[in-house]
């Protein structure tokens, strides 16, 4: 890495990208969990179609996806 202030090497970018994605996943899950607890819906895009979905349904899908991925 030449200058820490303006350039990242590939491994640093990979690590930074992974941290950003993890943070986004955590924030998204928190939004869905809090919305579900309050009985709210969230707006999503699925296959280009905008939909309003109960957050409890999204949370159930997230939990199901996590079980099948591990």
N, C-alpha and C. Protein backbone atom coordinates (compact mmCIF):
# COMPACT_ATOMS: atom_id res chain seq x y z
N UNK A 1 0.84 -1.18 0.00
CA UNK A 1 0.00 0.00 0.00
C UNK A 1 0.88 1.23 0.00
N UNK A 2 0.66 2.13 -0.97
CA UNK A 2 1.52 3.30 -1.11
C UNK A 2 1.24 4.38 -0.07
N UNK A 3 0.04 4.89 -0.05
CA UNK A 3 -0.30 5.97 0.87
C UNK A 3 -1.59 5.61 1.57
N UNK A 4 -1.55 5.43 2.87
CA UNK A 4 -2.70 4.99 3.65
C UNK A 4 -3.88 5.94 3.53
N UNK A 5 -3.63 7.18 3.19
CA UNK A 5 -4.71 8.17 3.14
C UNK A 5 -5.55 8.10 1.87
N UNK A 6 -5.03 7.58 0.77
CA UNK A 6 -5.81 7.64 -0.46
C UNK A 6 -5.92 6.34 -1.24
N UNK A 7 -5.28 5.27 -0.80
CA UNK A 7 -5.37 4.02 -1.55
C UNK A 7 -5.43 2.83 -0.60
N UNK A 8 -6.19 1.82 -1.02
CA UNK A 8 -6.27 0.57 -0.29
C UNK A 8 -5.75 -0.53 -1.21
N UNK A 9 -5.08 -1.52 -0.62
CA UNK A 9 -4.72 -2.66 -1.46
C UNK A 9 -5.92 -3.61 -1.50
N UNK A 10 -5.84 -4.61 -2.34
CA UNK A 10 -6.98 -5.49 -2.57
C UNK A 10 -7.47 -6.19 -1.30
N UNK A 11 -6.55 -6.66 -0.46
CA UNK A 11 -6.97 -7.36 0.76
C UNK A 11 -7.66 -6.41 1.73
N UNK A 12 -7.21 -5.17 1.78
CA UNK A 12 -7.87 -4.18 2.65
C UNK A 12 -9.28 -3.86 2.14
N UNK A 13 -9.43 -3.76 0.83
CA UNK A 13 -10.75 -3.50 0.26
C UNK A 13 -11.69 -4.67 0.52
N UNK A 14 -11.17 -5.88 0.40
CA UNK A 14 -11.98 -7.06 0.65
C UNK A 14 -12.44 -7.08 2.11
N UNK A 15 -11.53 -6.79 3.02
CA UNK A 15 -11.86 -6.77 4.44
C UNK A 15 -12.86 -5.65 4.74
N UNK A 16 -12.65 -4.48 4.17
CA UNK A 16 -13.56 -3.36 4.38
C UNK A 16 -14.94 -3.67 3.82
N UNK A 17 -14.99 -4.26 2.64
CA UNK A 17 -16.27 -4.64 2.02
C UNK A 17 -17.02 -5.64 2.90
N UNK A 18 -16.31 -6.61 3.44
CA UNK A 18 -16.94 -7.61 4.30
C UNK A 18 -17.51 -6.95 5.56
N UNK A 19 -16.78 -6.00 6.14
CA UNK A 19 -17.26 -5.30 7.33
C UNK A 19 -18.49 -4.46 7.01
N UNK A 20 -18.48 -3.80 5.88
CA UNK A 20 -19.63 -2.97 5.47
C UNK A 20 -20.86 -3.86 5.26
N UNK A 21 -20.69 -4.98 4.55
CA UNK A 21 -21.82 -5.88 4.31
C UNK A 21 -22.37 -6.45 5.61
N UNK A 22 -21.49 -6.81 6.54
CA UNK A 22 -21.94 -7.33 7.83
C UNK A 22 -22.74 -6.26 8.58
N UNK A 23 -22.25 -5.04 8.57
CA UNK A 23 -22.97 -3.95 9.22
C UNK A 23 -24.33 -3.70 8.59
N UNK A 24 -24.41 -3.79 7.28
CA UNK A 24 -25.68 -3.60 6.59
C UNK A 24 -26.66 -4.73 6.92
N UNK A 25 -26.16 -5.95 7.01
CA UNK A 25 -27.02 -7.08 7.37
C UNK A 25 -27.57 -6.91 8.79
N UNK A 26 -26.69 -6.50 9.70
CA UNK A 26 -27.12 -6.30 11.09
C UNK A 26 -28.16 -5.19 11.18
N UNK A 27 -27.95 -4.09 10.47
CA UNK A 27 -28.89 -2.97 10.49
C UNK A 27 -30.23 -3.37 9.87
N UNK A 28 -30.19 -4.12 8.79
CA UNK A 28 -31.42 -4.58 8.14
C UNK A 28 -32.20 -5.50 9.06
N UNK A 29 -31.50 -6.43 9.70
CA UNK A 29 -32.18 -7.35 10.62
C UNK A 29 -32.80 -6.59 11.77
N UNK A 30 -32.07 -5.62 12.31
CA UNK A 30 -32.60 -4.82 13.42
C UNK A 30 -33.87 -4.08 12.99
N UNK A 31 -33.86 -3.51 11.80
CA UNK A 31 -35.04 -2.82 11.27
C UNK A 31 -36.23 -3.78 11.17
N UNK A 32 -36.01 -4.96 10.63
CA UNK A 32 -37.09 -5.94 10.48
C UNK A 32 -37.59 -6.40 11.85
N UNK A 33 -36.67 -6.69 12.78
CA UNK A 33 -37.07 -7.14 14.12
C UNK A 33 -37.89 -6.08 14.85
N UNK A 34 -37.43 -4.82 14.82
CA UNK A 34 -38.14 -3.75 15.50
C UNK A 34 -39.50 -3.48 14.86
N UNK A 35 -39.54 -3.53 13.54
CA UNK A 35 -40.80 -3.31 12.83
C UNK A 35 -41.79 -4.43 13.12
N UNK A 36 -41.30 -5.66 13.17
CA UNK A 36 -42.17 -6.81 13.48
C UNK A 36 -42.74 -6.68 14.89
N UNK A 37 -41.89 -6.27 15.83
CA UNK A 37 -42.34 -6.12 17.22
C UNK A 37 -43.44 -5.06 17.35
N UNK A 38 -43.42 -4.08 16.46
CA UNK A 38 -44.41 -3.00 16.49
C UNK A 38 -45.60 -3.26 15.56
N UNK A 39 -45.60 -4.42 14.91
CA UNK A 39 -46.70 -4.78 14.02
C UNK A 39 -46.73 -3.97 12.73
N UNK A 40 -45.59 -3.51 12.29
CA UNK A 40 -45.51 -2.68 11.08
C UNK A 40 -45.20 -3.50 9.84
N UNK A 41 -45.37 -2.85 8.70
CA UNK A 41 -45.01 -3.43 7.42
C UNK A 41 -43.81 -2.68 6.87
N UNK A 42 -43.10 -3.31 5.95
CA UNK A 42 -41.98 -2.68 5.26
C UNK A 42 -42.23 -2.78 3.76
N UNK A 43 -41.67 -1.86 3.02
CA UNK A 43 -41.80 -1.86 1.57
C UNK A 43 -40.54 -2.46 0.99
N UNK A 44 -40.74 -3.45 0.11
CA UNK A 44 -39.61 -4.14 -0.53
C UNK A 44 -39.83 -4.18 -2.03
N UNK A 45 -38.80 -4.52 -2.75
CA UNK A 45 -38.90 -4.77 -4.18
C UNK A 45 -38.58 -6.24 -4.40
N UNK A 46 -39.48 -6.94 -5.08
CA UNK A 46 -39.29 -8.35 -5.36
C UNK A 46 -39.52 -8.58 -6.85
N UNK A 47 -38.45 -8.97 -7.53
CA UNK A 47 -38.52 -9.16 -8.99
C UNK A 47 -39.03 -7.90 -9.69
N UNK A 48 -38.58 -6.74 -9.21
CA UNK A 48 -38.96 -5.47 -9.82
C UNK A 48 -40.32 -4.95 -9.41
N UNK A 49 -41.04 -5.70 -8.59
CA UNK A 49 -42.37 -5.29 -8.13
C UNK A 49 -42.27 -4.76 -6.70
N UNK A 50 -42.80 -3.55 -6.48
CA UNK A 50 -42.78 -2.95 -5.15
C UNK A 50 -43.95 -3.52 -4.35
N UNK A 51 -43.64 -4.00 -3.13
CA UNK A 51 -44.65 -4.62 -2.29
C UNK A 51 -44.55 -4.11 -0.86
N UNK A 52 -45.69 -4.04 -0.19
CA UNK A 52 -45.74 -3.77 1.25
C UNK A 52 -45.95 -5.12 1.93
N UNK A 53 -45.02 -5.49 2.82
CA UNK A 53 -45.04 -6.81 3.44
C UNK A 53 -44.99 -6.65 4.96
N UNK A 54 -45.82 -7.39 5.70
CA UNK A 54 -45.71 -7.34 7.16
C UNK A 54 -44.30 -7.74 7.59
N UNK A 55 -43.72 -6.97 8.48
CA UNK A 55 -42.36 -7.23 8.94
C UNK A 55 -42.24 -8.60 9.58
N UNK A 56 -43.31 -9.07 10.23
CA UNK A 56 -43.25 -10.41 10.85
C UNK A 56 -43.04 -11.49 9.80
N UNK A 57 -43.60 -11.29 8.60
CA UNK A 57 -43.38 -12.25 7.51
C UNK A 57 -41.93 -12.21 7.01
N UNK A 58 -41.38 -11.00 6.92
CA UNK A 58 -39.97 -10.86 6.51
C UNK A 58 -39.05 -11.49 7.54
N UNK A 59 -39.37 -11.29 8.82
CA UNK A 59 -38.55 -11.86 9.89
C UNK A 59 -38.58 -13.39 9.83
N UNK A 60 -39.75 -13.95 9.60
CA UNK A 60 -39.87 -15.41 9.49
C UNK A 60 -39.02 -15.91 8.32
N UNK A 61 -39.05 -15.19 7.20
CA UNK A 61 -38.24 -15.60 6.04
C UNK A 61 -36.75 -15.48 6.34
N UNK A 62 -36.34 -14.41 7.01
CA UNK A 62 -34.94 -14.26 7.40
C UNK A 62 -34.49 -15.43 8.27
N UNK A 63 -35.32 -15.77 9.26
CA UNK A 63 -34.97 -16.87 10.16
C UNK A 63 -34.90 -18.19 9.42
N UNK A 64 -35.83 -18.40 8.50
CA UNK A 64 -35.82 -19.63 7.70
C UNK A 64 -34.57 -19.70 6.82
N UNK A 65 -34.24 -18.57 6.19
CA UNK A 65 -33.04 -18.53 5.33
C UNK A 65 -31.78 -18.81 6.13
N UNK A 66 -31.70 -18.28 7.35
CA UNK A 66 -30.52 -18.52 8.19
C UNK A 66 -30.40 -19.99 8.57
N UNK A 67 -31.52 -20.64 8.84
CA UNK A 67 -31.49 -22.06 9.21
C UNK A 67 -31.03 -22.92 8.03
N UNK A 68 -31.44 -22.57 6.82
CA UNK A 68 -31.07 -23.38 5.67
C UNK A 68 -29.64 -23.12 5.20
N UNK A 69 -29.10 -21.95 5.56
CA UNK A 69 -27.72 -21.61 5.16
C UNK A 69 -26.68 -22.23 6.08
N UNK A 70 -27.03 -22.57 7.29
CA UNK A 70 -26.04 -23.08 8.27
C UNK A 70 -26.10 -24.56 8.38
